[in-house]
């Protein structure tokens, strides 16, 4: 059993704490938000992630997972401290390290024995040095000779599959400059890997860079394929067939080459921007990553443009049914979601929008679309269709994969579907009498 503190009960912190406690470790989850901590103690999980609620509550009841707002309490009972707070994107695209360094300051103020301090938050190169300096600064103020190690251990969790990603990781990256710290990290993670090959040790700067590089590469694949989809529409090709043709090449593969209405979420937009900003700070202009961001921005406007082409620039009196609000299925996360752009583009042209999402409605209501008075929320994928002029699929939830098209046609004013994820079969829908508009396929081929 290892004694662990995880500071930050957001997506990464809560999943990490729950999974490590499930191994029998003694884990404290710390957050400054007292309301949030009290809610967790009462079994209220602040985010939707499949399997997370059961995992948290089972280990909380077993006593291996505890919650507190008092970091000194957690540090006194821990040898390892994960920093898992947010690093929001600043106005200039850089990662805001305010919360990370705030935790480092608290650690320096309250630690009373040797600590292994682990940067789990997504942070730019050089953050470990800043954390080390901040902790040491506080120790010096106390006149303390206590020692500590700072380790970089980036997370690679995917929303919707975070529990399995944490419990069965394809790799664990650890950046450290200390053999003893490496030994401790190996002991911590060995129960999660079948062999040591899954644990990759490297220097701290390389570990910090690995996280950003991974997300930037995946974002690049998405934007590249979306650019190809735009070319396909203009030359009369079908991007779905092109995807099959290139994905069969093992050097390329099928992952992240599905055309769509742009990437969103908490990672790709923020991390690509942070890498662009870091590069700029070191005197380098990122031509490819700048293009990745530009393509992604434009891609979120593709569906609104298709709607305008079909119904005209003035959408006054028109109503559109939206299937899906979250940036991807199996999460309630709407950060940078394509649905936000699509809905705002339609309503600013005078349209009304009716929206349904299995999990993200609350996020839309209280945060991301709270100021848009032309959005109505419905309780099912079919009720949202009533008297709508067209349906727009934005998020590919499982419950949308094989809908009743007879029911859809019956409820819509017009048998028109805009598919932002290319989920349905064009020929089948044509046979059923639908107008069907996809990403990366000419409208002439769809009709």
Protein backbone atom coordinates (compact mmCIF):
# COMPACT_ATOMS: atom_id res chain seq x y z
CA UNK A 1 0.00 0.00 0.00
CA UNK A 2 1.21 3.46 -0.93
CA UNK A 3 0.04 6.72 0.64
CA UNK A 4 -1.06 9.23 -1.97
CA UNK A 5 -2.55 12.71 -2.19
CA UNK A 6 -4.21 13.92 -5.39
CA UNK A 7 -4.77 17.68 -5.48
CA UNK A 8 -7.61 18.59 -7.80
CA UNK A 9 -10.85 16.62 -8.18
CA UNK A 10 -11.53 17.47 -11.80
CA UNK A 11 -11.51 14.94 -14.58
CA UNK A 12 -7.90 13.79 -14.27
CA UNK A 13 -7.61 14.03 -10.49
CA UNK A 14 -10.80 12.15 -9.66
CA UNK A 15 -10.17 9.35 -12.16
CA UNK A 16 -6.54 9.00 -11.03
CA UNK A 17 -7.44 8.99 -7.34
CA UNK A 18 -10.27 6.49 -7.78
CA UNK A 19 -8.19 4.08 -9.86
CA UNK A 20 -5.17 4.18 -7.55
CA UNK A 21 -7.38 3.65 -4.49
CA UNK A 22 -8.96 0.68 -6.23
CA UNK A 23 -5.52 -0.99 -6.11
CA UNK A 24 -5.60 -0.83 -2.29
CA UNK A 25 -3.60 2.37 -1.91
CA UNK A 26 -4.58 4.98 0.67
CA UNK A 27 -5.64 8.01 -1.39
CA UNK A 28 -6.67 11.51 -0.36
CA UNK A 29 -8.42 13.64 -3.00
CA UNK A 30 -8.03 17.35 -2.23
CA UNK A 31 -9.93 20.33 -3.57
CA UNK A 32 -10.37 23.92 -2.40
CA UNK A 33 -14.05 23.80 -3.38
CA UNK A 34 -15.82 22.75 -0.18
CA UNK A 35 -19.16 22.31 -1.94
CA UNK A 36 -17.58 19.92 -4.40
CA UNK A 37 -15.88 17.88 -1.66
CA UNK A 38 -19.11 17.62 0.34
CA UNK A 39 -20.95 16.50 -2.79
CA UNK A 40 -18.35 13.78 -3.43
CA UNK A 41 -18.72 12.55 0.14
CA UNK A 42 -22.46 12.28 -0.53
CA UNK A 43 -21.94 10.27 -3.68
CA UNK A 44 -22.48 13.12 -6.16
CA UNK A 45 -19.98 12.93 -9.01
CA UNK A 46 -19.34 16.32 -10.70
CA UNK A 47 -18.64 14.86 -14.16
CA UNK A 48 -20.09 12.09 -16.28
CA UNK A 49 -17.67 9.29 -17.04
CA UNK A 50 -18.81 5.68 -17.52
CA UNK A 51 -17.94 3.59 -14.44
CA UNK A 52 -16.56 6.46 -12.40
CA UNK A 53 -19.44 6.83 -9.94
CA UNK A 54 -19.32 3.17 -8.86
CA UNK A 55 -15.53 3.22 -8.63
CA UNK A 56 -15.50 6.34 -6.46
CA UNK A 57 -18.26 5.23 -4.12
CA UNK A 58 -17.00 1.67 -3.68
CA UNK A 59 -13.56 2.88 -2.61
CA UNK A 60 -14.95 5.73 -0.52
CA UNK A 61 -17.06 3.22 1.40
CA UNK A 62 -14.06 0.88 1.71
CA UNK A 63 -12.02 3.71 3.23
CA UNK A 64 -9.25 3.67 0.61
CA UNK A 65 -10.47 6.90 -0.96
CA UNK A 66 -11.02 10.03 1.16
CA UNK A 67 -11.93 13.64 0.37
CA UNK A 68 -10.81 16.84 2.04
CA UNK A 69 -10.33 20.58 1.51
CA UNK A 70 -7.35 20.59 3.89
CA UNK A 71 -4.17 19.94 1.93
CA UNK A 72 -2.06 19.78 5.11
CA UNK A 73 -4.19 16.87 6.30
CA UNK A 74 -3.61 14.97 3.05
CA UNK A 75 0.12 15.73 2.91
CA UNK A 76 0.68 14.57 6.48
CA UNK A 77 -0.73 11.18 5.51
CA UNK A 78 0.98 10.87 2.10
CA UNK A 79 4.39 10.25 0.58
CA UNK A 80 3.31 10.96 -3.00
CA UNK A 81 1.43 14.05 -4.11
CA UNK A 82 -0.11 14.37 -7.57
CA UNK A 83 -0.78 17.86 -8.89
CA UNK A 84 -3.90 17.41 -11.02
CA UNK A 85 -5.43 20.87 -11.19
CA UNK A 86 -6.54 22.67 -14.33
CA UNK A 87 -4.25 24.50 -16.72
CA UNK A 88 -6.76 26.62 -18.65
CA UNK A 89 -5.80 28.34 -21.85
CA UNK A 90 -4.80 31.97 -21.45
CA UNK A 91 -5.76 34.73 -23.89
CA UNK A 92 -2.44 34.31 -25.70
CA UNK A 93 -2.86 30.53 -26.01
CA UNK A 94 -0.40 29.69 -23.23
CA UNK A 95 -1.21 27.27 -20.41
CA UNK A 96 -2.17 29.12 -17.22
CA UNK A 97 0.02 27.64 -14.45
CA UNK A 98 -1.58 29.70 -11.68
CA UNK A 99 -3.29 26.70 -10.08
CA UNK A 100 -0.31 24.36 -10.49
CA UNK A 101 2.08 26.78 -8.82
CA UNK A 102 -0.51 27.49 -6.14
CA UNK A 103 -0.48 23.80 -5.22
CA UNK A 104 3.33 23.78 -5.26
CA UNK A 105 3.31 26.71 -2.85
CA UNK A 106 0.97 24.88 -0.48
CA UNK A 107 3.12 21.75 -0.61
CA UNK A 108 6.16 23.79 0.36
CA UNK A 109 4.23 25.36 3.22
CA UNK A 110 2.83 22.17 4.73
CA UNK A 111 5.00 19.15 3.87
CA UNK A 112 6.67 17.65 6.94
CA UNK A 113 8.65 14.78 5.38
CA UNK A 114 10.20 13.87 2.01
CA UNK A 115 7.63 14.16 -0.78
CA UNK A 116 7.46 12.83 -4.32
CA UNK A 117 5.63 15.60 -6.19
CA UNK A 118 4.13 14.49 -9.48
CA UNK A 119 2.96 16.85 -12.22
CA UNK A 120 -0.12 15.08 -13.61
CA UNK A 121 -1.66 18.23 -15.08
CA UNK A 122 -0.90 18.92 -18.72
CA UNK A 123 1.89 21.48 -18.50
CA UNK A 124 4.45 23.01 -20.89
CA UNK A 125 8.13 22.23 -20.88
CA UNK A 126 9.86 23.87 -17.90
CA UNK A 127 6.94 23.55 -15.49
CA UNK A 128 8.72 21.01 -13.27
CA UNK A 129 11.51 23.53 -12.76
CA UNK A 130 8.97 26.17 -11.73
CA UNK A 131 7.26 23.74 -9.35
CA UNK A 132 10.60 22.81 -7.81
CA UNK A 133 11.54 26.47 -7.38
CA UNK A 134 8.19 27.32 -5.78
CA UNK A 135 8.33 24.43 -3.29
CA UNK A 136 11.93 25.27 -2.40
CA UNK A 137 11.06 28.93 -1.96
CA UNK A 138 8.44 28.03 0.67
CA UNK A 139 10.77 25.60 2.43
CA UNK A 140 13.44 28.30 2.58
CA UNK A 141 10.94 30.69 4.18
CA UNK A 142 10.40 28.07 6.87
CA UNK A 143 14.12 27.47 7.28
CA UNK A 144 13.42 23.82 6.48
CA UNK A 145 15.96 21.33 5.16
CA UNK A 146 13.30 18.87 3.95
CA UNK A 147 13.92 17.26 0.57
CA UNK A 148 11.58 16.41 -2.30
CA UNK A 149 11.52 15.15 -5.87
CA UNK A 150 9.52 16.58 -8.77
CA UNK A 151 8.38 14.09 -11.41
CA UNK A 152 6.53 14.55 -14.69
CA UNK A 153 3.83 11.93 -15.30
CA UNK A 154 1.49 13.15 -18.07
CA UNK A 155 -1.97 11.63 -18.37
CA UNK A 156 -3.34 10.07 -21.55
CA UNK A 157 -6.97 9.57 -20.53
CA UNK A 158 -9.71 9.69 -23.14
CA UNK A 159 -13.07 10.99 -22.01
CA UNK A 160 -15.57 8.16 -22.22
CA UNK A 161 -12.94 5.44 -21.65
CA UNK A 162 -10.90 7.05 -18.86
CA UNK A 163 -11.31 4.23 -16.33
CA UNK A 164 -10.02 1.54 -18.70
CA UNK A 165 -7.29 3.90 -19.93
CA UNK A 166 -6.11 4.34 -16.33
CA UNK A 167 -6.45 0.72 -15.29
CA UNK A 168 -5.06 -0.76 -18.51
CA UNK A 169 -2.74 1.91 -19.94
CA UNK A 170 -1.00 1.36 -23.26
CA UNK A 171 1.95 3.31 -21.86
CA UNK A 172 2.98 5.21 -18.75
CA UNK A 173 5.43 8.07 -19.32
CA UNK A 174 7.59 9.10 -16.38
CA UNK A 175 10.05 11.98 -16.45
CA UNK A 176 12.54 12.06 -13.62
CA UNK A 177 16.18 12.92 -12.91
CA UNK A 178 16.42 10.69 -9.86
CA UNK A 179 16.85 6.90 -9.72
CA UNK A 180 15.07 6.59 -6.39
CA UNK A 181 12.08 8.55 -7.71
CA UNK A 182 11.99 6.24 -10.73
CA UNK A 183 11.92 3.25 -8.39
CA UNK A 184 8.97 4.68 -6.45
CA UNK A 185 7.03 5.37 -9.65
CA UNK A 186 7.71 1.88 -10.94
CA UNK A 187 6.38 0.41 -7.69
CA UNK A 188 3.29 2.62 -7.93
CA UNK A 189 2.39 1.63 -11.47
CA UNK A 190 3.58 -1.97 -11.70
CA UNK A 191 0.13 -3.36 -10.76
CA UNK A 192 -1.33 -1.65 -13.85
CA UNK A 193 1.08 -3.03 -16.45
CA UNK A 194 1.89 -6.53 -17.55
CA UNK A 195 5.55 -5.83 -18.10
CA UNK A 196 8.00 -3.02 -17.64
CA UNK A 197 7.89 -2.18 -21.34
CA UNK A 198 4.69 -0.23 -20.77
CA UNK A 199 6.56 2.13 -18.43
CA UNK A 200 8.70 4.59 -20.37
CA UNK A 201 11.29 6.52 -18.37
CA UNK A 202 12.82 9.70 -19.76
CA UNK A 203 14.06 13.13 -18.72
CA UNK A 204 11.52 15.57 -17.34
CA UNK A 205 11.48 17.97 -20.31
CA UNK A 206 10.86 15.12 -22.74
CA UNK A 207 7.99 13.80 -20.61
CA UNK A 208 6.39 17.25 -20.53
CA UNK A 209 6.79 17.50 -24.30
CA UNK A 210 5.37 14.03 -24.95
CA UNK A 211 1.84 14.91 -23.84
CA UNK A 212 1.58 17.95 -26.08
CA UNK A 213 3.13 16.12 -29.01
CA UNK A 214 0.67 13.22 -28.73
CA UNK A 215 -2.38 15.49 -28.71
CA UNK A 216 -0.99 17.72 -31.44
CA UNK A 217 -0.39 14.66 -33.64
CA UNK A 218 -3.94 13.38 -33.16
CA UNK A 219 -5.38 16.84 -33.77
CA UNK A 220 -3.29 17.05 -36.94
CA UNK A 221 -4.75 13.77 -38.24
CA UNK A 222 -8.27 15.10 -37.63
CA UNK A 223 -7.68 18.44 -39.33
CA UNK A 224 -5.81 16.77 -42.20
CA UNK A 225 -8.74 14.45 -42.89
CA UNK A 226 -11.22 17.30 -42.58
CA UNK A 227 -9.21 19.24 -45.15
CA UNK A 228 -9.30 16.22 -47.44
CA UNK A 229 -13.06 16.07 -46.91
CA UNK A 230 -13.39 19.67 -48.11
CA UNK A 231 -11.41 18.82 -51.23
CA UNK A 232 -13.55 15.72 -51.81
CA UNK A 233 -16.74 17.79 -51.82
CA UNK A 234 -15.35 20.08 -54.49
CA UNK A 235 -13.94 17.43 -56.82
CA UNK A 236 -16.92 15.08 -56.51
CA UNK A 237 -15.20 12.36 -54.44
CA UNK A 238 -16.63 10.56 -51.40
CA UNK A 239 -14.45 11.07 -48.33
CA UNK A 240 -15.92 7.95 -46.69
CA UNK A 241 -14.48 5.81 -49.48
CA UNK A 242 -11.19 7.71 -49.38
CA UNK A 243 -10.95 7.03 -45.65
CA UNK A 244 -11.36 3.31 -46.22
CA UNK A 245 -8.75 3.42 -48.97
CA UNK A 246 -6.06 5.08 -46.84
CA UNK A 247 -6.94 3.53 -43.47
CA UNK A 248 -6.10 0.06 -44.76
CA UNK A 249 -2.48 1.23 -45.00
CA UNK A 250 -0.98 0.09 -41.69
CA UNK A 251 1.31 3.11 -41.68
CA UNK A 252 -1.78 5.33 -41.46
CA UNK A 253 -4.49 3.25 -39.75
CA UNK A 254 -8.14 4.12 -39.17
CA UNK A 255 -7.84 6.02 -35.89
CA UNK A 256 -8.60 9.75 -36.02
CA UNK A 257 -9.23 9.88 -39.79
CA UNK A 258 -13.01 10.12 -39.60
CA UNK A 259 -14.19 13.38 -41.15
CA UNK A 260 -16.48 15.49 -39.02
CA UNK A 261 -17.38 18.95 -37.79
CA UNK A 262 -14.15 19.61 -35.90
CA UNK A 263 -12.45 18.53 -32.68
CA UNK A 264 -13.19 19.99 -29.26
CA UNK A 265 -12.89 19.07 -25.60
CA UNK A 266 -10.45 19.96 -22.88
CA UNK A 267 -7.27 18.66 -24.50
CA UNK A 268 -6.75 19.11 -28.23
CA UNK A 269 -7.67 22.81 -28.60
CA UNK A 270 -5.84 23.85 -25.44
CA UNK A 271 -2.76 21.70 -25.97
CA UNK A 272 -2.27 22.63 -29.62
CA UNK A 273 -2.51 26.31 -28.69
CA UNK A 274 -0.10 25.86 -25.79
CA UNK A 275 2.45 24.13 -28.02
CA UNK A 276 2.13 26.92 -30.59
CA UNK A 277 2.71 29.50 -27.83
CA UNK A 278 5.65 27.61 -26.32
CA UNK A 279 7.28 27.35 -29.74
CA UNK A 280 6.75 31.06 -30.32
CA UNK A 281 8.37 31.85 -26.97
CA UNK A 282 11.45 29.97 -28.15
CA UNK A 283 11.55 31.77 -31.49
CA UNK A 284 9.92 29.15 -33.71
CA UNK A 285 6.76 29.52 -35.82
CA UNK A 286 4.69 26.34 -36.06
CA UNK A 287 3.39 26.32 -39.63
CA UNK A 288 1.66 22.92 -39.45
CA UNK A 289 0.05 23.45 -36.05
CA UNK A 290 -1.20 26.89 -37.04
CA UNK A 291 -2.87 25.26 -40.04
CA UNK A 292 -4.33 22.52 -37.83
CA UNK A 293 -6.04 25.15 -35.69
CA UNK A 294 -7.25 27.15 -38.69
CA UNK A 295 -8.77 24.08 -40.37
CA UNK A 296 -10.48 23.07 -37.14
CA UNK A 297 -11.99 26.52 -36.68
CA UNK A 298 -13.35 26.51 -40.22
CA UNK A 299 -14.63 22.95 -39.95
CA UNK A 300 -17.09 23.89 -37.21
CA UNK A 301 -18.77 26.20 -39.74
CA UNK A 302 -19.25 23.53 -42.43
CA UNK A 303 -22.66 22.34 -41.20
CA UNK A 304 -24.08 25.89 -40.82
CA UNK A 305 -22.90 26.62 -44.39
CA UNK A 306 -24.68 23.52 -45.66
CA UNK A 307 -27.84 24.58 -43.85
CA UNK A 308 -27.65 28.04 -45.41
CA UNK A 309 -27.10 26.54 -48.87
CA UNK A 310 -30.26 24.48 -48.42
CA UNK A 311 -32.55 26.93 -46.58
CA UNK A 312 -31.09 30.36 -47.35
CA UNK A 313 -29.16 32.95 -45.35
CA UNK A 314 -32.24 34.18 -43.48
CA UNK A 315 -33.40 31.33 -41.23
CA UNK A 316 -36.18 33.26 -39.52
CA UNK A 317 -39.12 30.97 -38.90
CA UNK A 318 -37.02 27.83 -39.30
CA UNK A 319 -36.44 25.29 -36.53
CA UNK A 320 -33.57 22.79 -36.42
CA UNK A 321 -33.33 19.66 -34.28
CA UNK A 322 -29.85 18.99 -32.88
CA UNK A 323 -28.80 15.47 -31.91
CA UNK A 324 -25.83 15.78 -29.54
CA UNK A 325 -24.20 18.64 -27.65
CA UNK A 326 -21.08 17.13 -26.05
CA UNK A 327 -17.83 17.33 -28.01
CA UNK A 328 -17.78 13.51 -28.21
CA UNK A 329 -19.97 10.63 -26.98
CA UNK A 330 -19.82 9.19 -23.44
CA UNK A 331 -19.07 12.52 -21.79
CA UNK A 332 -20.94 15.64 -20.72
CA UNK A 333 -17.97 17.85 -21.67
CA UNK A 334 -18.89 20.73 -24.00
CA UNK A 335 -15.62 22.60 -23.97
CA UNK A 336 -14.91 23.81 -27.53
CA UNK A 337 -17.73 21.54 -28.79
CA UNK A 338 -18.80 21.93 -32.42
CA UNK A 339 -22.43 22.09 -31.28
CA UNK A 340 -21.80 25.52 -29.72
CA UNK A 341 -20.64 27.02 -33.01
CA UNK A 342 -23.35 25.29 -35.05
CA UNK A 343 -26.18 26.40 -32.76
CA UNK A 344 -24.94 29.98 -32.46
CA UNK A 345 -24.46 30.27 -36.22
CA UNK A 346 -28.02 29.09 -36.86
CA UNK A 347 -29.70 31.21 -34.19
CA UNK A 348 -27.90 34.41 -35.17
CA UNK A 349 -29.56 33.98 -38.58
CA UNK A 350 -32.97 33.89 -36.91
CA UNK A 351 -33.46 30.14 -36.46
CA UNK A 352 -34.85 28.33 -33.45
CA UNK A 353 -33.01 25.26 -32.20
CA UNK A 354 -34.32 22.23 -30.33
CA UNK A 355 -31.54 20.16 -28.78
CA UNK A 356 -31.16 16.74 -27.19
CA UNK A 357 -28.09 15.15 -25.60
CA UNK A 358 -28.12 12.16 -23.21
CA UNK A 359 -25.73 13.82 -20.73
CA UNK A 360 -24.68 17.35 -21.70
CA UNK A 361 -27.96 19.28 -21.42
CA UNK A 362 -27.07 20.74 -18.01
CA UNK A 363 -23.69 21.94 -19.27
CA UNK A 364 -25.41 23.67 -22.17
CA UNK A 365 -28.11 25.26 -20.01
CA UNK A 366 -25.90 26.61 -17.23
CA UNK A 367 -22.72 27.39 -19.12
CA UNK A 368 -22.05 27.12 -22.82
CA UNK A 369 -25.42 28.16 -24.28
CA UNK A 370 -26.93 29.89 -21.25
CA UNK A 371 -27.22 33.25 -23.04
CA UNK A 372 -28.83 31.83 -26.18
CA UNK A 373 -32.58 32.25 -25.67
CA UNK A 374 -33.45 30.54 -28.96
CA UNK A 375 -32.53 27.05 -27.75
CA UNK A 376 -35.13 24.63 -26.39
CA UNK A 377 -34.04 21.39 -24.71
CA UNK A 378 -35.95 18.13 -25.18
CA UNK A 379 -35.92 14.83 -23.32
CA UNK A 380 -35.50 12.38 -26.20
CA UNK A 381 -34.09 12.08 -29.70
CA UNK A 382 -37.57 11.84 -31.19
CA UNK A 383 -39.40 14.59 -29.29
CA UNK A 384 -36.72 17.03 -30.43
CA UNK A 385 -37.74 16.39 -34.05
CA UNK A 386 -41.36 17.53 -33.77
CA UNK A 387 -42.07 20.35 -36.25
CA UNK A 388 -38.37 20.83 -37.03
CA UNK A 389 -37.39 21.75 -40.58
CA UNK A 390 -34.34 19.48 -40.49
CA UNK A 391 -32.29 17.29 -38.19
CA UNK A 392 -28.58 17.84 -37.53
CA UNK A 393 -26.47 15.07 -36.00
CA UNK A 394 -23.51 16.56 -34.13
CA UNK A 395 -22.38 13.96 -31.56
CA UNK A 396 -22.25 10.27 -32.44
CA UNK A 397 -23.84 8.79 -29.30
CA UNK A 398 -24.61 5.07 -29.51
CA UNK A 399 -28.34 5.68 -29.26
CA UNK A 400 -28.15 7.64 -32.52
CA UNK A 401 -26.51 4.86 -34.55
CA UNK A 402 -29.60 2.94 -35.67
CA UNK A 403 -32.61 5.22 -35.27
CA UNK A 404 -36.10 4.64 -36.61
CA UNK A 405 -36.04 6.63 -39.84
CA UNK A 406 -39.76 6.17 -40.35
CA UNK A 407 -40.29 7.90 -37.00
CA UNK A 408 -37.82 10.63 -37.92
CA UNK A 409 -39.55 11.32 -41.22
CA UNK A 410 -42.95 11.36 -39.54
CA UNK A 411 -41.92 14.04 -37.02
CA UNK A 412 -39.85 16.35 -39.23
CA UNK A 413 -41.51 19.00 -41.39
CA UNK A 414 -39.07 18.13 -44.15
CA UNK A 415 -37.17 14.84 -44.60
CA UNK A 416 -33.77 16.59 -44.34
CA UNK A 417 -30.76 15.36 -42.36
CA UNK A 418 -27.39 17.07 -41.95
CA UNK A 419 -24.86 14.56 -40.62
CA UNK A 420 -21.83 16.10 -38.94
CA UNK A 421 -20.27 12.70 -38.28
CA UNK A 422 -21.09 10.78 -41.50
CA UNK A 423 -22.82 8.13 -39.46
CA UNK A 424 -25.63 7.01 -41.78
CA UNK A 425 -25.72 5.30 -45.16
CA UNK A 426 -26.45 7.77 -47.94
CA UNK A 427 -28.00 5.29 -50.38
CA UNK A 428 -30.30 3.84 -47.73
CA UNK A 429 -31.55 7.29 -46.74
CA UNK A 430 -32.05 8.26 -50.37
CA UNK A 431 -34.22 5.17 -50.84
CA UNK A 432 -36.25 6.28 -47.80
CA UNK A 433 -36.88 9.69 -49.37
CA UNK A 434 -34.47 11.78 -47.30
CA UNK A 435 -32.28 14.65 -48.38
CA UNK A 436 -28.99 13.73 -46.75
CA UNK A 437 -26.00 16.05 -46.37
CA UNK A 438 -22.64 14.74 -45.19
CA UNK A 439 -19.18 16.08 -44.48
CA UNK A 440 -16.82 15.62 -47.43
CA UNK A 441 -19.42 14.43 -49.92
CA UNK A 442 -20.88 16.61 -52.67
CA UNK A 443 -24.54 17.49 -52.15
CA UNK A 444 -25.17 16.16 -55.65
CA UNK A 445 -24.01 12.71 -54.53
CA UNK A 446 -26.20 12.86 -51.41
CA UNK A 447 -29.49 13.69 -53.09
